[in-house]
PDB file of N, CA and C in Angstrom:
ATOM      1  N   UNK A   1      21.391  74.240  99.559  1.00  0.00           N
ATOM      2  CA  UNK A   1      21.369  75.460  98.790  1.00  0.00           C
ATOM      3  C   UNK A   1      22.679  75.587  98.022  1.00  0.00           C
ATOM      4  N   UNK A   2      22.580  75.685  96.709  1.00  0.00           N
ATOM      5  CA  UNK A   2      23.803  75.843  95.925  1.00  0.00           C
ATOM      6  C   UNK A   2      24.089  77.331  95.772  1.00  0.00           C
ATOM      7  N   UNK A   3      25.360  77.682  95.813  1.00  0.00           N
ATOM      8  CA  UNK A   3      25.695  79.094  95.712  1.00  0.00           C
ATOM      9  C   UNK A   3      25.344  79.664  94.342  1.00  0.00           C
ATOM     10  N   UNK A   4      24.954  80.916  94.331  1.00  0.00           N
ATOM     11  CA  UNK A   4      24.624  81.578  93.061  1.00  0.00           C
ATOM     12  C   UNK A   4      25.915  82.024  92.389  1.00  0.00           C
ATOM     13  N   UNK A   5      25.904  82.041  91.091  1.00  0.00           N
ATOM     14  CA  UNK A   5      27.070  82.478  90.331  1.00  0.00           C
ATOM     15  C   UNK A   5      26.738  83.791  89.629  1.00  0.00           C
ATOM     16  N   UNK A   6      27.739  84.657  89.609  1.00  0.00           N
ATOM     17  CA  UNK A   6      27.551  85.908  88.882  1.00  0.00           C
ATOM     18  C   UNK A   6      27.861  85.657  87.421  1.00  0.00           C
ATOM     19  N   UNK A   7      27.688  86.659  86.616  1.00  0.00           N
ATOM     20  CA  UNK A   7      27.961  86.515  85.187  1.00  0.00           C
ATOM     21  C   UNK A   7      29.428  86.273  84.889  1.00  0.00           C
ATOM     22  N   UNK A   8      30.320  86.598  85.799  1.00  0.00           N
ATOM     23  CA  UNK A   8      31.758  86.436  85.565  1.00  0.00           C
ATOM     24  C   UNK A   8      32.298  85.144  86.157  1.00  0.00           C
ATOM     25  N   UNK A   9      31.465  84.266  86.638  1.00  0.00           N
ATOM     26  CA  UNK A   9      31.899  82.993  87.185  1.00  0.00           C
ATOM     27  C   UNK A   9      32.203  83.033  88.668  1.00  0.00           C
ATOM     28  N   UNK A  10      32.003  84.166  89.296  1.00  0.00           N
ATOM     29  CA  UNK A  10      32.241  84.285  90.737  1.00  0.00           C
ATOM     30  C   UNK A  10      31.071  83.688  91.500  1.00  0.00           C
ATOM     31  N   UNK A  11      31.379  83.095  92.647  1.00  0.00           N
ATOM     32  CA  UNK A  11      30.342  82.517  93.495  1.00  0.00           C
ATOM     33  C   UNK A  11      29.915  83.569  94.506  1.00  0.00           C
ATOM     34  N   UNK A  12      28.615  83.711  94.716  1.00  0.00           N
ATOM     35  CA  UNK A  12      28.078  84.652  95.698  1.00  0.00           C
ATOM     36  C   UNK A  12      27.417  83.849  96.809  1.00  0.00           C
ATOM     37  N   UNK A  13      27.700  84.244  98.061  1.00  0.00           N
ATOM     38  CA  UNK A  13      27.067  83.589  99.204  1.00  0.00           C
ATOM     39  C   UNK A  13      26.876  84.626 100.299  1.00  0.00           C
ATOM     40  N   UNK A  14      25.961  84.363 101.202  1.00  0.00           N
ATOM     41  CA  UNK A  14      25.726  85.315 102.301  1.00  0.00           C
ATOM     42  C   UNK A  14      26.975  85.454 103.171  1.00  0.00           C
ATOM     43  N   UNK A  15      27.132  86.637 103.775  1.00  0.00           N
ATOM     44  CA  UNK A  15      28.308  86.909 104.608  1.00  0.00           C
ATOM     45  C   UNK A  15      28.454  85.911 105.748  1.00  0.00           C
ATOM     46  N   UNK A  16      27.368  85.573 106.409  1.00  0.00           N
ATOM     47  CA  UNK A  16      27.431  84.638 107.536  1.00  0.00           C
ATOM     48  C   UNK A  16      27.938  83.275 107.083  1.00  0.00           C
ATOM     49  N   UNK A  17      27.473  82.817 105.949  1.00  0.00           N
ATOM     50  CA  UNK A  17      27.913  81.525 105.413  1.00  0.00           C
ATOM     51  C   UNK A  17      29.391  81.583 105.020  1.00  0.00           C
ATOM     52  N   UNK A  18      29.804  82.727 104.449  1.00  0.00           N
ATOM     53  CA  UNK A  18      31.201  82.900 104.070  1.00  0.00           C
ATOM     54  C   UNK A  18      32.103  82.907 105.298  1.00  0.00           C
ATOM     55  N   UNK A  19      31.694  83.612 106.355  1.00  0.00           N
ATOM     56  CA  UNK A  19      32.461  83.648 107.603  1.00  0.00           C
ATOM     57  C   UNK A  19      32.578  82.252 108.208  1.00  0.00           C
ATOM     58  N   UNK A  20      31.510  81.493 108.188  1.00  0.00           N
ATOM     59  CA  UNK A  20      31.538  80.123 108.719  1.00  0.00           C
ATOM     60  C   UNK A  20      32.496  79.257 107.910  1.00  0.00           C
ATOM     61  N   UNK A  21      32.465  79.411 106.595  1.00  0.00           N
ATOM     62  CA  UNK A  21      33.366  78.659 105.723  1.00  0.00           C
ATOM     63  C   UNK A  21      34.824  79.018 106.018  1.00  0.00           C
ATOM     64  N   UNK A  22      35.098  80.308 106.186  1.00  0.00           N
ATOM     65  CA  UNK A  22      36.461  80.734 106.518  1.00  0.00           C
ATOM     66  C   UNK A  22      36.914  80.187 107.868  1.00  0.00           C
ATOM     67  N   UNK A  23      36.026  80.233 108.864  1.00  0.00           N
ATOM     68  CA  UNK A  23      36.374  79.735 110.201  1.00  0.00           C
ATOM     69  C   UNK A  23      36.674  78.237 110.148  1.00  0.00           C
ATOM     70  N   UNK A  24      35.861  77.496 109.423  1.00  0.00           N
ATOM     71  CA  UNK A  24      36.082  76.058 109.298  1.00  0.00           C
ATOM     72  C   UNK A  24      37.401  75.763 108.583  1.00  0.00           C
ATOM     73  N   UNK A  25      37.672  76.508 107.511  1.00  0.00           N
ATOM     74  CA  UNK A  25      38.923  76.303 106.767  1.00  0.00           C
ATOM     75  C   UNK A  25      40.131  76.650 107.630  1.00  0.00           C
ATOM     76  N   UNK A  26      40.045  77.726 108.406  1.00  0.00           N
ATOM     77  CA  UNK A  26      41.156  78.117 109.280  1.00  0.00           C
ATOM     78  C   UNK A  26      41.399  77.063 110.344  1.00  0.00           C
ATOM     79  N   UNK A  27      40.338  76.545 110.923  1.00  0.00           N
ATOM     80  CA  UNK A  27      40.478  75.516 111.965  1.00  0.00           C
ATOM     81  C   UNK A  27      41.109  74.251 111.395  1.00  0.00           C
ATOM     82  N   UNK A  28      40.642  73.831 110.239  1.00  0.00           N
ATOM     83  CA  UNK A  28      41.199  72.626 109.618  1.00  0.00           C
ATOM     84  C   UNK A  28      42.670  72.841 109.236  1.00  0.00           C
ATOM     85  N   UNK A  29      42.985  74.040 108.740  1.00  0.00           N
ATOM     86  CA  UNK A  29      44.369  74.349 108.391  1.00  0.00           C
ATOM     87  C   UNK A  29      45.270  74.340 109.612  1.00  0.00           C
ATOM     88  N   UNK A  30      44.782  74.903 110.718  1.00  0.00           N
ATOM     89  CA  UNK A  30      45.570  74.925 111.952  1.00  0.00           C
ATOM     90  C   UNK A  30      45.790  73.509 112.471  1.00  0.00           C
ATOM     91  N   UNK A  31      44.751  72.685 112.434  1.00  0.00           N
ATOM     92  CA  UNK A  31      44.889  71.293 112.882  1.00  0.00           C
ATOM     93  C   UNK A  31      45.903  70.546 112.019  1.00  0.00           C
ATOM     94  N   UNK A  32      45.847  70.769 110.723  1.00  0.00           N
ATOM     95  CA  UNK A  32      46.767  70.088 109.817  1.00  0.00           C
ATOM     96  C   UNK A  32      48.205  70.566 110.048  1.00  0.00           C
ATOM     97  N   UNK A  33      48.381  71.868 110.269  1.00  0.00           N
ATOM     98  CA  UNK A  33      49.725  72.396 110.521  1.00  0.00           C
ATOM     99  C   UNK A  33      50.293  71.833 111.817  1.00  0.00           C
ATOM    100  N   UNK A  34      49.475  71.758 112.869  1.00  0.00           N
ATOM    101  CA  UNK A  34      49.936  71.184 114.134  1.00  0.00           C
ATOM    102  C   UNK A  34      50.277  69.707 113.973  1.00  0.00           C
ATOM    103  N   UNK A  35      49.464  69.001 113.208  1.00  0.00           N
ATOM    104  CA  UNK A  35      49.732  67.578 112.969  1.00  0.00           C
ATOM    105  C   UNK A  35      51.037  67.400 112.189  1.00  0.00           C
ATOM    106  N   UNK A  36      51.297  68.295 111.247  1.00  0.00           N
ATOM    107  CA  UNK A  36      52.518  68.197 110.445  1.00  0.00           C
ATOM    108  C   UNK A  36      53.779  68.351 111.284  1.00  0.00           C
ATOM    109  N   UNK A  37      53.700  69.143 112.350  1.00  0.00           N
ATOM    110  CA  UNK A  37      54.878  69.329 113.201  1.00  0.00           C
ATOM    111  C   UNK A  37      54.847  68.438 114.435  1.00  0.00           C
ATOM    112  N   UNK A  38      53.856  67.561 114.517  1.00  0.00           N
ATOM    113  CA  UNK A  38      53.797  66.592 115.603  1.00  0.00           C
ATOM    114  C   UNK A  38      53.182  67.114 116.885  1.00  0.00           C
ATOM    115  N   UNK A  39      52.378  68.160 116.818  1.00  0.00           N
ATOM    116  CA  UNK A  39      51.760  68.735 118.015  1.00  0.00           C
ATOM    117  C   UNK A  39      50.246  68.591 117.974  1.00  0.00           C
ATOM    118  N   UNK A  40      49.786  67.388 117.635  1.00  0.00           N
ATOM    119  CA  UNK A  40      48.348  67.213 117.478  1.00  0.00           C
ATOM    120  C   UNK A  40      47.718  66.298 118.525  1.00  0.00           C
ATOM    121  N   UNK A  41      48.463  65.781 119.469  1.00  0.00           N
ATOM    122  CA  UNK A  41      47.917  64.854 120.456  1.00  0.00           C
ATOM    123  C   UNK A  41      47.525  65.540 121.744  1.00  0.00           C
ATOM    124  N   UNK A  42      47.182  64.726 122.715  1.00  0.00           N
ATOM    125  CA  UNK A  42      46.807  65.238 124.021  1.00  0.00           C
ATOM    126  C   UNK A  42      47.979  65.844 124.772  1.00  0.00           C
ATOM    127  N   UNK A  43      49.189  65.492 124.382  1.00  0.00           N
ATOM    128  CA  UNK A  43      50.396  66.014 125.020  1.00  0.00           C
ATOM    129  C   UNK A  43      50.877  67.307 124.376  1.00  0.00           C
ATOM    130  N   UNK A  44      50.139  67.821 123.398  1.00  0.00           N
ATOM    131  CA  UNK A  44      50.593  68.993 122.644  1.00  0.00           C
ATOM    132  C   UNK A  44      50.798  70.207 123.546  1.00  0.00           C
ATOM    133  N   UNK A  45      49.881  70.460 124.450  1.00  0.00           N
ATOM    134  CA  UNK A  45      50.007  71.626 125.337  1.00  0.00           C
ATOM    135  C   UNK A  45      51.252  71.490 126.215  1.00  0.00           C
ATOM    136  N   UNK A  46      51.497  70.294 126.716  1.00  0.00           N
ATOM    137  CA  UNK A  46      52.694  70.051 127.531  1.00  0.00           C
ATOM    138  C   UNK A  46      53.959  70.231 126.695  1.00  0.00           C
ATOM    139  N   UNK A  47      53.933  69.738 125.460  1.00  0.00           N
ATOM    140  CA  UNK A  47      55.084  69.893 124.570  1.00  0.00           C
ATOM    141  C   UNK A  47      55.384  71.369 124.309  1.00  0.00           C
ATOM    142  N   UNK A  48      54.355  72.145 124.083  1.00  0.00           N
ATOM    143  CA  UNK A  48      54.547  73.573 123.817  1.00  0.00           C
ATOM    144  C   UNK A  48      55.088  74.270 125.060  1.00  0.00           C
ATOM    145  N   UNK A  49      54.562  73.910 126.233  1.00  0.00           N
ATOM    146  CA  UNK A  49      55.101  74.490 127.476  1.00  0.00           C
ATOM    147  C   UNK A  49      56.572  74.123 127.646  1.00  0.00           C
ATOM    148  N   UNK A  50      56.916  72.876 127.343  1.00  0.00           N
ATOM    149  CA  UNK A  50      58.313  72.446 127.440  1.00  0.00           C
ATOM    150  C   UNK A  50      59.200  73.212 126.466  1.00  0.00           C
ATOM    151  N   UNK A  51      58.708  73.425 125.243  1.00  0.00           N
ATOM    152  CA  UNK A  51      59.481  74.175 124.259  1.00  0.00           C
ATOM    153  C   UNK A  51      59.688  75.620 124.706  1.00  0.00           C
ATOM    154  N   UNK A  52      58.643  76.225 125.257  1.00  0.00           N
ATOM    155  CA  UNK A  52      58.778  77.598 125.755  1.00  0.00           C
ATOM    156  C   UNK A  52      59.756  77.663 126.919  1.00  0.00           C
ATOM    157  N   UNK A  53      59.710  76.668 127.780  1.00  0.00           N
ATOM    158  CA  UNK A  53      60.638  76.616 128.903  1.00  0.00           C
ATOM    159  C   UNK A  53      62.073  76.457 128.405  1.00  0.00           C
ATOM    160  N   UNK A  54      62.256  75.607 127.411  1.00  0.00           N
ATOM    161  CA  UNK A  54      63.583  75.409 126.829  1.00  0.00           C
ATOM    162  C   UNK A  54      64.101  76.701 126.209  1.00  0.00           C
ATOM    163  N   UNK A  55      63.251  77.404 125.475  1.00  0.00           N
ATOM    164  CA  UNK A  55      63.661  78.667 124.878  1.00  0.00           C
ATOM    165  C   UNK A  55      64.010  79.701 125.948  1.00  0.00           C
ATOM    166  N   UNK A  56      63.236  79.737 127.018  1.00  0.00           N
ATOM    167  CA  UNK A  56      63.537  80.668 128.117  1.00  0.00           C
ATOM    168  C   UNK A  56      64.883  80.325 128.745  1.00  0.00           C
ATOM    169  N   UNK A  57      65.162  79.035 128.887  1.00  0.00           N
ATOM    170  CA  UNK A  57      66.454  78.610 129.454  1.00  0.00           C
ATOM    171  C   UNK A  57      67.608  78.994 128.538  1.00  0.00           C
ATOM    172  N   UNK A  58      67.434  78.829 127.245  1.00  0.00           N
ATOM    173  CA  UNK A  58      68.479  79.193 126.287  1.00  0.00           C
ATOM    174  C   UNK A  58      68.749  80.688 126.349  1.00  0.00           C
ATOM    175  N   UNK A  59      67.690  81.496 126.417  1.00  0.00           N
ATOM    176  CA  UNK A  59      67.864  82.948 126.528  1.00  0.00           C
ATOM    177  C   UNK A  59      68.601  83.313 127.814  1.00  0.00           C
ATOM    178  N   UNK A  60      68.253  82.643 128.915  1.00  0.00           N
ATOM    179  CA  UNK A  60      68.907  82.910 130.191  1.00  0.00           C
ATOM    180  C   UNK A  60      70.393  82.560 130.125  1.00  0.00           C
ATOM    181  N   UNK A  61      70.705  81.412 129.552  1.00  0.00           N
ATOM    182  CA  UNK A  61      72.106  80.981 129.430  1.00  0.00           C
ATOM    183  C   UNK A  61      72.880  81.958 128.553  1.00  0.00           C
ATOM    184  N   UNK A  62      72.278  82.385 127.452  1.00  0.00           N
ATOM    185  CA  UNK A  62      72.942  83.331 126.561  1.00  0.00           C
ATOM    186  C   UNK A  62      73.221  84.650 127.288  1.00  0.00           C
ATOM    187  N   UNK A  63      72.219  85.151 128.011  1.00  0.00           N
ATOM    188  CA  UNK A  63      72.385  86.405 128.750  1.00  0.00           C
ATOM    189  C   UNK A  63      73.467  86.263 129.822  1.00  0.00           C
ATOM    190  N   UNK A  64      73.464  85.143 130.537  1.00  0.00           N
ATOM    191  CA  UNK A  64      74.458  84.899 131.575  1.00  0.00           C
ATOM    192  C   UNK A  64      75.855  84.782 130.975  1.00  0.00           C
ATOM    193  N   UNK A  65      75.982  84.139 129.835  1.00  0.00           N
ATOM    194  CA  UNK A  65      77.288  83.998 129.182  1.00  0.00           C
ATOM    195  C   UNK A  65      77.835  85.356 128.776  1.00  0.00           C
ATOM    196  N   UNK A  66      76.973  86.218 128.261  1.00  0.00           N
ATOM    197  CA  UNK A  66      77.420  87.558 127.876  1.00  0.00           C
ATOM    198  C   UNK A  66      77.852  88.333 129.112  1.00  0.00           C
ATOM    199  N   UNK A  67      77.079  88.265 130.178  1.00  0.00           N
ATOM    200  CA  UNK A  67      77.437  88.972 131.412  1.00  0.00           C
ATOM    201  C   UNK A  67      78.760  88.457 131.973  1.00  0.00           C
ATOM    202  N   UNK A  68      78.946  87.141 131.949  1.00  0.00           N
ATOM    203  CA  UNK A  68      80.184  86.553 132.456  1.00  0.00           C
ATOM    204  C   UNK A  68      81.371  87.007 131.618  1.00  0.00           C
ATOM    205  N   UNK A  69      81.216  87.042 130.307  1.00  0.00           N
ATOM    206  CA  UNK A  69      82.298  87.493 129.424  1.00  0.00           C
ATOM    207  C   UNK A  69      82.667  88.942 129.728  1.00  0.00           C
ATOM    208  N   UNK A  70      81.657  89.785 129.908  1.00  0.00           N
ATOM    209  CA  UNK A  70      81.921  91.194 130.228  1.00  0.00           C
ATOM    210  C   UNK A  70      82.638  91.301 131.571  1.00  0.00           C
ATOM    211  N   UNK A  71      82.223  90.520 132.552  1.00  0.00           N
ATOM    212  CA  UNK A  71      82.889  90.555 133.859  1.00  0.00           C
ATOM    213  C   UNK A  71      84.347  90.107 133.760  1.00  0.00           C
ATOM    214  N   UNK A  72      84.604  89.060 132.998  1.00  0.00           N
ATOM    215  CA  UNK A  72      85.978  88.556 132.850  1.00  0.00           C
ATOM    216  C   UNK A  72      86.855  89.603 132.161  1.00  0.00           C
ATOM    217  N   UNK A  73      86.343  90.203 131.096  1.00  0.00           N
ATOM    218  CA  UNK A  73      87.127  91.218 130.381  1.00  0.00           C
ATOM    219  C   UNK A  73      87.385  92.425 131.280  1.00  0.00           C
ATOM    220  N   UNK A  74      86.361  92.857 132.005  1.00  0.00           N
ATOM    221  CA  UNK A  74      86.516  94.000 132.910  1.00  0.00           C
ATOM    222  C   UNK A  74      87.535  93.692 134.000  1.00  0.00           C
ATOM    223  N   UNK A  75      87.458  92.510 134.570  1.00  0.00           N
ATOM    224  CA  UNK A  75      88.418  92.115 135.613  1.00  0.00           C
ATOM    225  C   UNK A  75      89.832  92.071 135.045  1.00  0.00           C
ATOM    226  N   UNK A  76      90.003  91.548 133.848  1.00  0.00           N
ATOM    227  CA  UNK A  76      91.326  91.495 133.216  1.00  0.00           C
ATOM    228  C   UNK A  76      91.890  92.879 132.975  1.00  0.00           C
ATOM    229  N   UNK A  77      91.058  93.794 132.505  1.00  0.00           N
ATOM    230  CA  UNK A  77      91.530  95.166 132.269  1.00  0.00           C
ATOM    231  C   UNK A  77      91.939  95.820 133.590  1.00  0.00           C
ATOM    232  N   UNK A  78      91.127  95.658 134.620  1.00  0.00           N
ATOM    233  CA  UNK A  78      91.452  96.246 135.926  1.00  0.00           C
ATOM    234  C   UNK A  78      92.744  95.647 136.477  1.00  0.00           C
ATOM    235  N   UNK A  79      92.922  94.329 136.364  1.00  0.00           N
ATOM    236  CA  UNK A  79      94.155  93.700 136.834  1.00  0.00           C
ATOM    237  C   UNK A  79      95.368  94.188 136.056  1.00  0.00           C
ATOM    238  N   UNK A  80      95.218  94.376 134.757  1.00  0.00           N
ATOM    239  CA  UNK A  80      96.334  94.885 133.948  1.00  0.00           C
ATOM    240  C   UNK A  80      96.684  96.307 134.362  1.00  0.00           C
ATOM    241  N   UNK A  81      95.668  97.123 134.615  1.00  0.00           N
ATOM    242  CA  UNK A  81      95.926  98.485 135.074  1.00  0.00           C
ATOM    243  C   UNK A  81      96.630  98.494 136.429  1.00  0.00           C
ATOM    244  N   UNK A  82      96.167  97.638 137.338  1.00  0.00           N
ATOM    245  CA  UNK A  82      96.797  97.561 138.658  1.00  0.00           C
ATOM    246  C   UNK A  82      98.237  97.074 138.555  1.00  0.00           C
ATOM    247  N   UNK A  83      98.495  96.122 137.688  1.00  0.00           N
ATOM    248  CA  UNK A  83      99.859  95.622 137.499  1.00  0.00           C
ATOM    249  C   UNK A  83     100.743  96.716 136.924  1.00  0.00           C
ATOM    250  N   UNK A  84     100.199  97.475 135.963  1.00  0.00           N
ATOM    251  CA  UNK A  84     100.963  98.580 135.392  1.00  0.00           C
ATOM    252  C   UNK A  84     101.273  99.648 136.421  1.00  0.00           C
ATOM    253  N   UNK A  85     100.298  99.968 137.262  1.00  0.00           N
ATOM    254  CA  UNK A  85     100.511 100.957 138.323  1.00  0.00           C
ATOM    255  C   UNK A  85     101.555 100.440 139.310  1.00  0.00           C
ATOM    256  N   UNK A  86     101.453  99.170 139.668  1.00  0.00           N
ATOM    257  CA  UNK A  86     102.409  98.594 140.624  1.00  0.00           C
ATOM    258  C   UNK A  86     103.824  98.630 140.064  1.00  0.00           C
ATOM    259  N   UNK A  87     103.985  98.328 138.786  1.00  0.00           N
ATOM    260  CA  UNK A  87     105.317  98.368 138.176  1.00  0.00           C
ATOM    261  C   UNK A  87     105.814  99.803 138.076  1.00  0.00           C
ATOM    262  N   UNK A  88     104.955 100.724 137.748  1.00  0.00           N
ATOM    263  CA  UNK A  88     105.348 102.127 137.634  1.00  0.00           C
ATOM    264  C   UNK A  88     105.777 102.691 138.984  1.00  0.00           C
ATOM    265  N   UNK A  89     105.102 102.289 140.040  1.00  0.00           N
ATOM    266  CA  UNK A  89     105.428 102.780 141.376  1.00  0.00           C
ATOM    267  C   UNK A  89     106.514 101.931 142.052  1.00  0.00           C
ATOM    268  N   UNK A  90     107.002 100.932 141.357  1.00  0.00           N
ATOM    269  CA  UNK A  90     108.078 100.054 141.839  1.00  0.00           C
ATOM    270  C   UNK A  90     107.695  99.407 143.175  1.00  0.00           C
ATOM    271  N   UNK A  91     106.457  98.895 143.224  1.00  0.00           N
ATOM    272  CA  UNK A  91     105.949  98.248 144.434  1.00  0.00           C
ATOM    273  C   UNK A  91     106.667  96.929 144.673  1.00  0.00           C
ATOM    274  N   UNK A  92     107.111  96.239 143.629  1.00  0.00           N
ATOM    275  CA  UNK A  92     107.681  94.901 143.745  1.00  0.00           C
ATOM    276  C   UNK A  92     109.200  94.924 143.818  1.00  0.00           C
ATOM    277  N   UNK A  93     109.783  95.978 144.208  1.00  0.00           N
ATOM    278  CA  UNK A  93     111.212  96.033 144.338  1.00  0.00           C
ATOM    279  C   UNK A  93     111.816  97.095 143.426  1.00  0.00           C
ATOM    280  N   UNK A  94     113.129  97.008 143.287  1.00  0.00           N
ATOM    281  CA  UNK A  94     113.830  98.005 142.482  1.00  0.00           C
ATOM    282  C   UNK A  94     113.692  97.660 141.023  1.00  0.00           C
ATOM    283  N   UNK A  95     113.404  98.647 140.234  1.00  0.00           N
ATOM    284  CA  UNK A  95     113.136  98.418 138.824  1.00  0.00           C
ATOM    285  C   UNK A  95     114.356  98.477 137.930  1.00  0.00           C
ATOM    286  N   UNK A  96     115.515  98.476 138.385  1.00  0.00           N
ATOM    287  CA  UNK A  96     116.551  98.455 137.417  1.00  0.00           C
ATOM    288  C   UNK A  96     117.815  98.905 137.877  1.00  0.00           C
TER     289      UNK A  96
END
């Protein structure tokens, strides 16, 4: 069955046929996109799981690094305050 054409050159087809055409085009496009990035084989699902795991690890490391930096800065500030208090109270001997 050849598609009917309107007077303006547009092609007319039944909705079901159009939906099937769109689904087929989307599937072929997705397959081609996966093939272009190298995720088209039987190992593709494993590769994607590995990539997600790697991204989760990177996020964890980033979060841990930020927490560690905050802890180090907080500890340094507290130690500086304690040292200042100790010097002010002359804990380490006579101040002058």
